[in-house]
């Protein structure tokens, strides 16, 4: 029997119940500020509430318990009032006032939890703004204060950093919701550039360039001409900012590169494949990372690349449209600044990494899909671009020889789930089926002639004789075909990029 004396229940309660928890617990039950403190107006109530130390685990826990219906129902007045008062104190409270930082943290928690409930754009407006009718005023004020603080050189660096994280989280959580359009009305590009190029805040460049990249990808396919960040990226001539972008990218990718180096010896980077046969061979799942040692179990790489590799997204966004950035980027490689860590040429490693290592989490299956589509296009047009009949025969033979590898790609493509674009996957499966019609036909011909695939000379002769007599079996007329584009792949990568960004910020 346990005879240890337990403290009185009242003492236990006093230890675990703070004023913060006491007030919020009543708010989550549906009590209004007036019911909790009848003799205090709502502005004073929330002002005093923001004066209290934020209990983040408690607040996140309670908000995460709420259903979407509860947020849109009985707790909508409380949630919208809290969001508005946080925006007000972020804007109006003095920098030394603790309520400013508490308002930023509280607003971060509220927005993050609300946006994680799979709401539509109008539902988000209802919960945070109070109604769709008020959304323009509320969200314009919200984005306005974020833009002002991020670009304010007089604001404390901690405040600017936390506000930047708040903005970045909002865009990642909201994905392509209509509320993200309010961020396109502001020029966050100038604010982020000023933050990145200032010595006291340059360490936040990483989050700043990710924020710009996410903004540039907002409704990218159907509103490219309307997205001002694509225009700013294309037209900017701020060389100092571009150099900071390169510096931050190198710094972030160093840890990504090291993660690979810890698992495999990458002292001798491979050259680009010189034949289509090698390309097909690399479709094998166990060769997806074939620049690495084949002795390493593939499971060792399942956690790679690490989330910091998402920094490749802003590099991609700047490299494509901005010729000046290309110049700055190459200068940075040729004449690197002092290394971030001794003994590591980060610039060279980052360039090699970017060219050779596709982000495995997002792109391994997409590379398979694109390669299948490329091979089908190459097959149907081979007689128009290959230099000789013998080259055509060799190409078809390579396809036949690798048919078992190609067949295995169907399983990989069928395994894909959202956020990948399912119609594009189904189209790739169709292309794969067409390739297999051709390869199966010639494999059967080789078998009929008694030649084995391994007997290259006899197999090649069988393929060549049939092609010369009948043309390529199964080849389609591709004169009017439109080569596949990568625009949808960029959109497919967007949710994955946002997920990696969210994993990197608190």
Protein backbone atom coordinates (compact mmCIF):
# COMPACT_ATOMS: atom_id res chain seq x y z
CA UNK A 1 0.00 0.00 0.00
CA UNK A 2 1.23 3.47 -0.86
CA UNK A 3 1.26 5.70 2.22
CA UNK A 4 2.96 8.67 0.54
CA UNK A 5 1.19 11.90 1.28
CA UNK A 6 -0.31 13.70 -1.71
CA UNK A 7 -0.51 17.50 -1.78
CA UNK A 8 -3.97 19.07 -1.56
CA UNK A 9 -5.77 19.26 -4.93
CA UNK A 10 -5.85 23.05 -4.75
CA UNK A 11 -2.05 23.16 -4.69
CA UNK A 12 -1.84 20.90 -7.75
CA UNK A 13 -4.27 23.14 -9.61
CA UNK A 14 -2.33 26.30 -8.77
CA UNK A 15 0.81 24.76 -10.22
CA UNK A 16 -0.65 23.85 -13.57
CA UNK A 17 -3.22 26.60 -14.19
CA UNK A 18 -1.86 29.95 -15.29
CA UNK A 19 -3.85 33.10 -15.96
CA UNK A 20 -3.16 32.60 -19.68
CA UNK A 21 -4.67 29.10 -19.62
CA UNK A 22 -7.54 30.16 -17.39
CA UNK A 23 -8.65 32.93 -19.75
CA UNK A 24 -8.17 30.99 -22.97
CA UNK A 25 -9.98 27.93 -21.59
CA UNK A 26 -13.09 30.10 -21.11
CA UNK A 27 -12.73 31.60 -24.59
CA UNK A 28 -12.52 28.11 -26.12
CA UNK A 29 -15.73 27.19 -24.28
CA UNK A 30 -17.46 30.00 -26.12
CA UNK A 31 -17.49 32.70 -23.43
CA UNK A 32 -17.16 36.25 -24.73
CA UNK A 33 -14.66 38.75 -23.28
CA UNK A 34 -17.61 40.61 -21.71
CA UNK A 35 -18.76 37.45 -19.95
CA UNK A 36 -15.27 36.78 -18.59
CA UNK A 37 -14.60 40.36 -17.45
CA UNK A 38 -17.91 42.27 -17.47
CA UNK A 39 -16.38 45.60 -16.49
CA UNK A 40 -13.72 45.65 -19.19
CA UNK A 41 -14.15 46.52 -22.86
CA UNK A 42 -12.96 44.12 -25.54
CA UNK A 43 -9.93 46.16 -26.61
CA UNK A 44 -8.63 46.31 -23.04
CA UNK A 45 -9.38 42.61 -22.56
CA UNK A 46 -7.28 41.50 -25.53
CA UNK A 47 -4.56 44.05 -24.78
CA UNK A 48 -4.15 42.58 -21.29
CA UNK A 49 -4.28 39.07 -22.73
CA UNK A 50 -1.37 39.86 -25.07
CA UNK A 51 0.57 41.12 -22.06
CA UNK A 52 0.74 37.54 -20.75
CA UNK A 53 3.52 35.12 -21.69
CA UNK A 54 2.29 32.94 -24.54
CA UNK A 55 1.87 29.27 -23.61
CA UNK A 56 2.47 27.96 -27.09
CA UNK A 57 1.98 24.21 -26.48
CA UNK A 58 -1.37 24.86 -24.78
CA UNK A 59 -2.65 27.31 -27.39
CA UNK A 60 -1.59 25.10 -30.32
CA UNK A 61 -3.09 22.06 -28.67
CA UNK A 62 -6.48 23.67 -28.07
CA UNK A 63 -6.66 25.22 -31.54
CA UNK A 64 -5.73 21.93 -33.19
CA UNK A 65 -8.60 20.21 -31.37
CA UNK A 66 -11.15 22.51 -32.99
CA UNK A 67 -13.09 21.25 -35.98
CA UNK A 68 -13.56 23.36 -39.07
CA UNK A 69 -17.26 23.59 -38.23
CA UNK A 70 -16.49 24.98 -34.76
CA UNK A 71 -14.15 27.57 -36.24
CA UNK A 72 -16.85 28.65 -38.68
CA UNK A 73 -19.52 28.49 -36.00
CA UNK A 74 -19.55 29.45 -32.35
CA UNK A 75 -15.85 30.35 -32.12
CA UNK A 76 -15.69 32.49 -35.25
CA UNK A 77 -16.22 35.79 -33.32
CA UNK A 78 -13.39 34.91 -30.93
CA UNK A 79 -10.94 33.79 -33.64
CA UNK A 80 -11.56 36.76 -35.91
CA UNK A 81 -11.31 39.20 -32.98
CA UNK A 82 -8.03 37.62 -31.89
CA UNK A 83 -6.58 37.80 -35.42
CA UNK A 84 -7.58 41.45 -35.78
CA UNK A 85 -6.20 42.48 -32.41
CA UNK A 86 -2.92 40.69 -33.13
CA UNK A 87 -2.62 42.59 -36.41
CA UNK A 88 -3.36 45.85 -34.59
CA UNK A 89 -0.69 45.31 -31.93
CA UNK A 90 1.89 44.15 -34.49
CA UNK A 91 1.30 47.45 -36.25
CA UNK A 92 0.84 49.85 -33.32
CA UNK A 93 2.72 48.49 -30.31
CA UNK A 94 6.15 49.97 -29.71
CA UNK A 95 9.13 47.82 -30.50
CA UNK A 96 10.03 47.47 -26.83
CA UNK A 97 6.47 46.53 -25.86
CA UNK A 98 6.23 42.79 -25.09
CA UNK A 99 2.75 42.78 -26.60
CA UNK A 100 4.26 43.26 -30.05
CA UNK A 101 6.24 40.02 -29.92
CA UNK A 102 3.35 38.21 -28.19
CA UNK A 103 0.97 39.41 -30.90
CA UNK A 104 3.31 38.07 -33.60
CA UNK A 105 3.58 34.69 -31.86
CA UNK A 106 -0.14 34.45 -31.14
CA UNK A 107 -1.03 35.46 -34.68
CA UNK A 108 1.40 32.85 -36.02
CA UNK A 109 -0.22 30.10 -33.95
CA UNK A 110 -3.79 31.10 -34.81
CA UNK A 111 -3.14 31.40 -38.55
CA UNK A 112 -1.13 28.16 -38.72
CA UNK A 113 -3.82 26.15 -36.95
CA UNK A 114 -6.73 27.68 -38.90
CA UNK A 115 -5.05 27.17 -42.28
CA UNK A 116 -4.25 23.54 -41.44
CA UNK A 117 -7.97 22.68 -41.40
CA UNK A 118 -8.34 22.43 -45.19
CA UNK A 119 -10.58 25.47 -45.53
CA UNK A 120 -11.55 27.15 -48.77
CA UNK A 121 -10.59 30.75 -49.44
CA UNK A 122 -13.96 32.17 -48.41
CA UNK A 123 -14.01 30.02 -45.24
CA UNK A 124 -10.60 31.39 -44.28
CA UNK A 125 -11.93 34.91 -44.81
CA UNK A 126 -14.95 34.14 -42.64
CA UNK A 127 -12.87 32.83 -39.75
CA UNK A 128 -10.00 35.32 -39.74
CA UNK A 129 -11.69 38.47 -41.07
CA UNK A 130 -15.10 37.82 -39.54
CA UNK A 131 -16.83 37.86 -42.92
CA UNK A 132 -16.03 37.91 -46.62
CA UNK A 133 -17.27 41.52 -46.72
CA UNK A 134 -14.55 42.58 -44.25
CA UNK A 135 -11.78 40.51 -45.82
CA UNK A 136 -10.39 43.23 -48.08
CA UNK A 137 -9.90 45.65 -45.21
CA UNK A 138 -8.58 43.06 -42.77
CA UNK A 139 -6.16 41.23 -45.06
CA UNK A 140 -4.92 44.41 -46.72
CA UNK A 141 -4.07 45.73 -43.28
CA UNK A 142 -2.42 42.45 -42.33
CA UNK A 143 -0.17 42.25 -45.40
CA UNK A 144 0.56 45.96 -45.16
CA UNK A 145 1.98 45.75 -41.66
CA UNK A 146 4.06 42.66 -42.53
CA UNK A 147 5.56 44.42 -45.55
CA UNK A 148 6.32 47.55 -43.54
CA UNK A 149 8.10 45.75 -40.71
CA UNK A 150 10.14 43.39 -42.91
CA UNK A 151 11.51 46.38 -44.82
CA UNK A 152 11.93 48.70 -41.82
CA UNK A 153 15.64 49.17 -41.02
CA UNK A 154 14.71 50.77 -37.69
CA UNK A 155 12.75 47.74 -36.47
CA UNK A 156 14.60 45.28 -34.20
CA UNK A 157 16.10 42.39 -36.13
CA UNK A 158 14.19 39.87 -34.00
CA UNK A 159 10.88 41.52 -34.84
CA UNK A 160 11.70 41.63 -38.57
CA UNK A 161 12.71 37.98 -38.50
CA UNK A 162 9.56 36.80 -36.71
CA UNK A 163 7.33 38.81 -39.03
CA UNK A 164 9.14 37.31 -42.05
CA UNK A 165 8.53 33.82 -40.64
CA UNK A 166 4.86 34.71 -40.11
CA UNK A 167 4.51 35.81 -43.74
CA UNK A 168 6.36 32.76 -45.04
CA UNK A 169 4.23 30.39 -42.97
CA UNK A 170 1.03 32.08 -44.14
CA UNK A 171 1.86 31.65 -47.83
CA UNK A 172 2.97 28.04 -47.36
CA UNK A 173 -0.14 27.13 -45.37
CA UNK A 174 -2.57 28.95 -47.63
CA UNK A 175 -1.12 27.30 -50.76
CA UNK A 176 -3.17 28.57 -53.70
CA UNK A 177 -6.13 29.93 -51.70
CA UNK A 178 -7.60 33.26 -52.77
CA UNK A 179 -6.38 34.95 -49.58
CA UNK A 180 -2.82 34.63 -50.90
CA UNK A 181 -3.67 37.21 -53.57
CA UNK A 182 -3.43 39.97 -50.95
CA UNK A 183 0.32 39.37 -50.80
CA UNK A 184 0.55 40.13 -54.52
CA UNK A 185 -0.75 43.65 -53.87
CA UNK A 186 2.38 44.48 -51.86
CA UNK A 187 5.98 44.80 -52.95
CA UNK A 188 7.57 42.31 -50.57
CA UNK A 189 10.45 41.98 -53.04
CA UNK A 190 11.91 45.34 -52.00
CA UNK A 191 11.38 44.57 -48.31
CA UNK A 192 13.11 41.18 -48.54
CA UNK A 193 15.98 42.62 -50.62
CA UNK A 194 16.62 45.33 -48.02
CA UNK A 195 16.58 42.73 -45.24
CA UNK A 196 18.98 40.44 -47.12
CA UNK A 197 21.53 43.13 -47.98
CA UNK A 198 21.67 44.70 -44.51
CA UNK A 199 24.60 43.28 -42.47
CA UNK A 200 22.52 43.01 -39.28
CA UNK A 201 19.80 40.90 -40.94
CA UNK A 202 21.62 39.09 -43.76
CA UNK A 203 21.37 35.82 -41.82
CA UNK A 204 17.64 35.77 -42.62
CA UNK A 205 18.24 35.78 -46.39
CA UNK A 206 17.44 32.06 -46.59
CA UNK A 207 13.87 32.53 -45.37
CA UNK A 208 13.52 35.72 -47.41
CA UNK A 209 14.37 34.13 -50.75
CA UNK A 210 12.11 31.16 -50.01
CA UNK A 211 9.28 33.62 -49.33
CA UNK A 212 9.83 35.29 -52.71
CA UNK A 213 9.95 31.92 -54.48
CA UNK A 214 6.67 30.82 -52.89
CA UNK A 215 5.08 34.15 -53.86
CA UNK A 216 6.36 33.75 -57.43
CA UNK A 217 4.70 30.32 -57.62
CA UNK A 218 1.28 31.60 -56.52
CA UNK A 219 -1.16 30.70 -59.35
CA UNK A 220 1.86 30.47 -61.60
CA UNK A 221 0.25 28.65 -64.51
CA UNK A 222 -2.85 30.77 -65.02
CA UNK A 223 -1.68 34.18 -63.80
CA UNK A 224 1.95 34.43 -64.87
CA UNK A 225 1.40 37.88 -66.36
CA UNK A 226 -0.48 39.04 -63.28
CA UNK A 227 2.04 37.89 -60.66
CA UNK A 228 4.27 40.91 -59.91
CA UNK A 229 6.97 38.76 -58.30
CA UNK A 230 7.70 36.97 -61.56
CA UNK A 231 8.16 40.40 -63.14
CA UNK A 232 10.39 41.62 -60.30
CA UNK A 233 12.54 38.50 -60.47
CA UNK A 234 12.89 38.89 -64.23
CA UNK A 235 13.73 42.60 -64.18
CA UNK A 236 15.73 43.14 -61.00
CA UNK A 237 19.30 44.44 -61.38
CA UNK A 238 20.18 44.35 -57.67
CA UNK A 239 23.53 42.55 -57.83
CA UNK A 240 24.08 42.76 -54.06
CA UNK A 241 20.83 40.94 -53.42
CA UNK A 242 21.68 38.30 -56.00
CA UNK A 243 25.03 37.66 -54.34
CA UNK A 244 23.28 37.26 -50.99
CA UNK A 245 20.93 34.77 -52.62
CA UNK A 246 23.91 32.74 -53.83
CA UNK A 247 25.56 32.97 -50.43
CA UNK A 248 22.45 31.80 -48.57
CA UNK A 249 21.87 28.99 -51.06
CA UNK A 250 25.44 27.74 -50.71
CA UNK A 251 25.14 27.84 -46.94
CA UNK A 252 21.86 25.88 -46.95
CA UNK A 253 23.04 23.32 -49.49
CA UNK A 254 26.25 22.61 -47.62
CA UNK A 255 24.32 20.57 -45.08
CA UNK A 256 22.41 18.83 -47.86
CA UNK A 257 25.61 17.88 -49.64
CA UNK A 258 27.20 16.70 -46.41
CA UNK A 259 24.23 14.42 -45.79
CA UNK A 260 25.03 12.63 -49.05
CA UNK A 261 28.76 12.67 -48.43
CA UNK A 262 28.23 11.01 -45.07
CA UNK A 263 26.55 8.08 -46.85
CA UNK A 264 28.55 7.75 -50.05
CA UNK A 265 31.84 8.74 -51.58
CA UNK A 266 31.12 11.50 -54.11
CA UNK A 267 34.73 12.41 -54.74
CA UNK A 268 34.37 11.71 -58.47
CA UNK A 269 31.15 13.17 -59.87
CA UNK A 270 29.91 11.23 -62.89
CA UNK A 271 29.75 12.63 -66.40
CA UNK A 272 26.44 13.03 -68.22
CA UNK A 273 25.21 9.83 -69.79
CA UNK A 274 26.41 9.43 -73.35
CA UNK A 275 23.76 7.04 -74.63
CA UNK A 276 20.04 6.46 -74.36
CA UNK A 277 20.82 3.00 -73.04
CA UNK A 278 22.40 4.54 -69.96
CA UNK A 279 19.38 6.79 -69.50
CA UNK A 280 17.08 3.78 -69.53
CA UNK A 281 19.30 1.91 -67.09
CA UNK A 282 19.06 4.83 -64.67
CA UNK A 283 15.30 4.38 -64.59
CA UNK A 284 15.85 1.35 -62.40
CA UNK A 285 14.84 2.27 -58.82
CA UNK A 286 18.13 0.94 -57.49
CA UNK A 287 19.99 3.20 -59.92
CA UNK A 288 17.98 6.38 -59.30
CA UNK A 289 20.94 7.67 -57.29
CA UNK A 290 23.50 6.00 -59.52
CA UNK A 291 26.14 8.67 -59.01
CA UNK A 292 26.50 7.11 -55.56
CA UNK A 293 28.12 3.87 -54.55
CA UNK A 294 25.93 0.95 -55.56
CA UNK A 295 26.98 -0.82 -52.40
CA UNK A 296 24.77 1.47 -50.34
CA UNK A 297 21.25 0.17 -49.57
CA UNK A 298 18.65 2.49 -51.06
CA UNK A 299 16.92 2.73 -47.65
CA UNK A 300 19.89 4.78 -46.47
CA UNK A 301 18.82 7.57 -48.82
CA UNK A 302 15.08 7.61 -48.11
CA UNK A 303 15.43 10.70 -45.91
CA UNK A 304 17.36 12.61 -48.54
CA UNK A 305 17.56 15.28 -49.67
CA UNK A 306 16.98 17.10 -46.42
CA UNK A 307 14.43 19.92 -46.33
CA UNK A 308 17.07 22.65 -46.76
CA UNK A 309 17.40 21.53 -50.39
CA UNK A 310 14.21 23.50 -51.08
CA UNK A 311 16.52 26.49 -51.52
CA UNK A 312 16.99 25.21 -55.08
CA UNK A 313 13.53 26.62 -55.85
CA UNK A 314 14.57 30.32 -55.68
CA UNK A 315 17.73 29.51 -57.64
CA UNK A 316 15.56 27.96 -60.34
CA UNK A 317 13.18 30.92 -60.35
CA UNK A 318 16.01 33.43 -60.80
CA UNK A 319 18.14 31.43 -63.24
CA UNK A 320 15.48 31.01 -65.89
CA UNK A 321 14.36 34.60 -66.61
CA UNK A 322 17.12 36.87 -65.32
CA UNK A 323 20.32 37.04 -67.42
CA UNK A 324 22.10 39.19 -64.85
CA UNK A 325 21.56 36.57 -62.16
CA UNK A 326 23.14 33.97 -64.44
CA UNK A 327 26.23 36.19 -64.66
CA UNK A 328 26.34 36.73 -60.88
CA UNK A 329 25.78 33.03 -60.27
CA UNK A 330 28.63 31.99 -62.55
CA UNK A 331 30.94 34.65 -61.11
CA UNK A 332 30.16 33.29 -57.68
CA UNK A 333 31.26 29.84 -58.84
CA UNK A 334 34.45 30.98 -60.54
CA UNK A 335 35.54 33.40 -57.82
CA UNK A 336 33.94 32.14 -54.62
CA UNK A 337 33.99 34.27 -51.47
CA UNK A 338 35.72 32.92 -48.34
CA UNK A 339 34.35 29.43 -47.64
CA UNK A 340 31.61 29.13 -45.08
CA UNK A 341 33.34 26.10 -43.60
CA UNK A 342 37.01 25.43 -43.84
CA UNK A 343 38.05 22.90 -46.45
CA UNK A 344 34.74 22.80 -48.32
CA UNK A 345 34.37 24.48 -51.68
CA UNK A 346 30.67 25.03 -51.22
CA UNK A 347 30.14 26.91 -54.45
CA UNK A 348 31.50 24.09 -56.61
CA UNK A 349 29.73 21.46 -54.55
CA UNK A 350 26.43 23.32 -54.74
CA UNK A 351 26.68 23.65 -58.52
CA UNK A 352 27.49 19.95 -58.87
CA UNK A 353 24.69 19.05 -56.48
CA UNK A 354 22.15 21.19 -58.32
CA UNK A 355 23.05 19.66 -61.68
CA UNK A 356 23.34 16.03 -60.55
CA UNK A 357 21.00 15.43 -57.62
CA UNK A 358 17.27 15.85 -58.27
CA UNK A 359 15.25 16.37 -55.07
CA UNK A 360 14.41 12.72 -54.48
CA UNK A 361 11.26 13.32 -52.46
CA UNK A 362 9.61 15.32 -55.21
CA UNK A 363 11.31 14.44 -58.45
CA UNK A 364 12.39 10.79 -58.56
CA UNK A 365 9.02 9.67 -59.93
CA UNK A 366 8.63 12.81 -62.03
CA UNK A 367 11.98 12.14 -63.69
CA UNK A 368 10.69 8.67 -64.57
CA UNK A 369 7.51 10.18 -66.02
CA UNK A 370 9.38 12.77 -68.09
CA UNK A 371 11.92 10.23 -69.34
CA UNK A 372 9.16 7.87 -70.50
CA UNK A 373 7.52 10.71 -72.41
CA UNK A 374 10.86 11.69 -73.91
CA UNK A 375 11.62 8.13 -75.00
CA UNK A 376 8.24 7.79 -76.67
CA UNK A 377 8.78 11.03 -78.56
CA UNK A 378 12.31 9.93 -79.49
CA UNK A 379 11.02 6.56 -80.69
CA UNK A 380 8.35 8.05 -82.95
CA UNK A 381 10.71 10.61 -84.49
CA UNK A 382 13.94 8.57 -84.51
CA UNK A 383 14.20 8.31 -88.29
CA UNK A 384 14.10 12.09 -88.65
CA UNK A 385 16.91 13.00 -86.25
CA UNK A 386 19.26 10.02 -85.93
CA UNK A 387 22.18 10.34 -88.40
CA UNK A 388 22.00 6.92 -90.05
CA UNK A 389 19.87 3.78 -90.39
CA UNK A 390 22.37 1.94 -88.20
CA UNK A 391 21.82 4.50 -85.41
CA UNK A 392 18.07 3.84 -85.64
CA UNK A 393 18.65 0.09 -85.42
CA UNK A 394 20.92 0.54 -82.38
CA UNK A 395 18.38 2.77 -80.65
CA UNK A 396 15.57 0.23 -81.12
CA UNK A 397 17.86 -2.57 -79.96
CA UNK A 398 18.71 -0.62 -76.79
CA UNK A 399 15.01 -0.21 -76.08
CA UNK A 400 14.40 -3.94 -76.58
CA UNK A 401 17.40 -4.87 -74.43
CA UNK A 402 16.07 -2.64 -71.63
CA UNK A 403 12.41 -3.63 -71.93
CA UNK A 404 12.39 -5.40 -68.55
CA UNK A 405 13.58 -2.19 -66.88
CA UNK A 406 10.94 -0.16 -68.70
CA UNK A 407 8.14 -2.51 -67.62
CA UNK A 408 9.02 -1.95 -63.97
CA UNK A 409 8.31 1.77 -64.33
CA UNK A 410 4.58 1.05 -64.52
CA UNK A 411 4.58 0.08 -60.86
CA UNK A 412 6.39 3.29 -59.89
CA UNK A 413 4.01 5.47 -61.92
CA UNK A 414 0.93 3.73 -60.51
CA UNK A 415 2.20 4.32 -57.00
CA UNK A 416 2.11 8.11 -57.33
CA UNK A 417 -0.46 9.93 -55.22
CA UNK A 418 -1.36 13.63 -54.79
CA UNK A 419 0.14 16.22 -54.91
CA UNK A 420 1.36 14.73 -58.21
CA UNK A 421 -0.76 15.47 -61.26
CA UNK A 422 -2.68 12.25 -61.93
CA UNK A 423 -3.71 13.03 -65.55
CA UNK A 424 -0.03 13.58 -66.40
CA UNK A 425 0.84 10.24 -64.78
CA UNK A 426 -1.87 8.47 -66.80
CA UNK A 427 -0.51 10.05 -69.98
CA UNK A 428 2.96 8.74 -69.12
CA UNK A 429 1.49 5.27 -68.62
CA UNK A 430 -0.03 5.54 -72.08
CA UNK A 431 3.35 6.48 -73.56
CA UNK A 432 4.98 3.58 -71.72
CA UNK A 433 2.39 1.15 -73.13
CA UNK A 434 3.20 2.39 -76.62
CA UNK A 435 6.93 1.85 -76.10
CA UNK A 436 6.25 -1.66 -74.85
CA UNK A 437 4.24 -2.47 -78.00
CA UNK A 438 7.36 -1.74 -80.03
CA UNK A 439 9.84 -3.51 -77.72
CA UNK A 440 7.65 -6.60 -77.30
CA UNK A 441 7.26 -6.87 -81.07
CA UNK A 442 10.99 -6.88 -81.73
CA UNK A 443 11.73 -9.11 -78.75
CA UNK A 444 9.31 -11.65 -80.24
CA UNK A 445 11.01 -11.31 -83.66
CA UNK A 446 14.40 -11.96 -82.10
CA UNK A 447 13.06 -15.03 -80.33
CA UNK A 448 11.52 -16.37 -83.55
CA UNK A 449 14.85 -16.07 -85.33
CA UNK A 450 16.55 -18.02 -82.57
CA UNK A 451 18.72 -15.08 -81.55
CA UNK A 452 19.06 -14.06 -77.95
CA UNK A 453 19.04 -10.52 -76.62
CA UNK A 454 22.51 -11.13 -75.29
CA UNK A 455 23.77 -12.01 -78.76
CA UNK A 456 24.07 -8.42 -79.94
CA UNK A 457 25.19 -9.12 -83.50
CA UNK A 458 22.35 -11.52 -84.39
CA UNK A 459 19.73 -9.53 -82.48
CA UNK A 460 20.78 -6.31 -84.20
CA UNK A 461 20.56 -7.97 -87.61
CA UNK A 462 17.04 -9.22 -86.86
CA UNK A 463 15.93 -5.73 -85.79
CA UNK A 464 17.66 -4.06 -88.76
CA UNK A 465 16.18 -6.44 -91.33
CA UNK A 466 12.63 -5.94 -90.11
CA UNK A 467 12.94 -2.14 -89.88
CA UNK A 468 14.41 -1.93 -93.38
CA UNK A 469 11.58 -4.08 -94.74
CA UNK A 470 8.61 -2.69 -92.80
CA UNK A 471 9.66 0.48 -90.98
CA UNK A 472 9.60 0.87 -87.20
CA UNK A 473 6.74 -1.15 -85.78
CA UNK A 474 4.25 0.97 -83.83
CA UNK A 475 5.76 4.35 -84.72
CA UNK A 476 3.14 7.10 -84.74
CA UNK A 477 3.04 10.32 -86.74
CA UNK A 478 4.30 12.99 -84.33
CA UNK A 479 4.49 15.94 -86.72
CA UNK A 480 1.63 17.73 -84.97
CA UNK A 481 2.57 16.62 -81.46
CA UNK A 482 3.39 19.23 -78.85
CA UNK A 483 6.47 18.30 -76.80
CA UNK A 484 5.66 18.01 -73.09
CA UNK A 485 6.32 21.03 -70.90
CA UNK A 486 7.39 21.16 -67.28
CA UNK A 487 4.90 23.78 -66.11
CA UNK A 488 2.69 21.20 -64.42
CA UNK A 489 5.69 19.63 -62.71
CA UNK A 490 6.50 23.00 -61.16
CA UNK A 491 2.94 23.19 -59.83
CA UNK A 492 3.18 19.61 -58.56
CA UNK A 493 6.38 20.53 -56.72
CA UNK A 494 4.77 23.56 -55.05
CA UNK A 495 3.00 21.70 -52.20
CA UNK A 496 6.13 19.66 -51.54
CA UNK A 497 8.27 22.80 -51.42
CA UNK A 498 5.84 24.39 -48.96
CA UNK A 499 5.94 21.28 -46.78
CA UNK A 500 9.74 21.42 -46.65
CA UNK A 501 9.68 25.14 -45.83
CA UNK A 502 7.22 24.56 -42.97
CA UNK A 503 9.51 21.87 -41.61
CA UNK A 504 12.32 24.42 -41.39
CA UNK A 505 10.48 27.18 -39.49
CA UNK A 506 9.13 26.88 -35.94
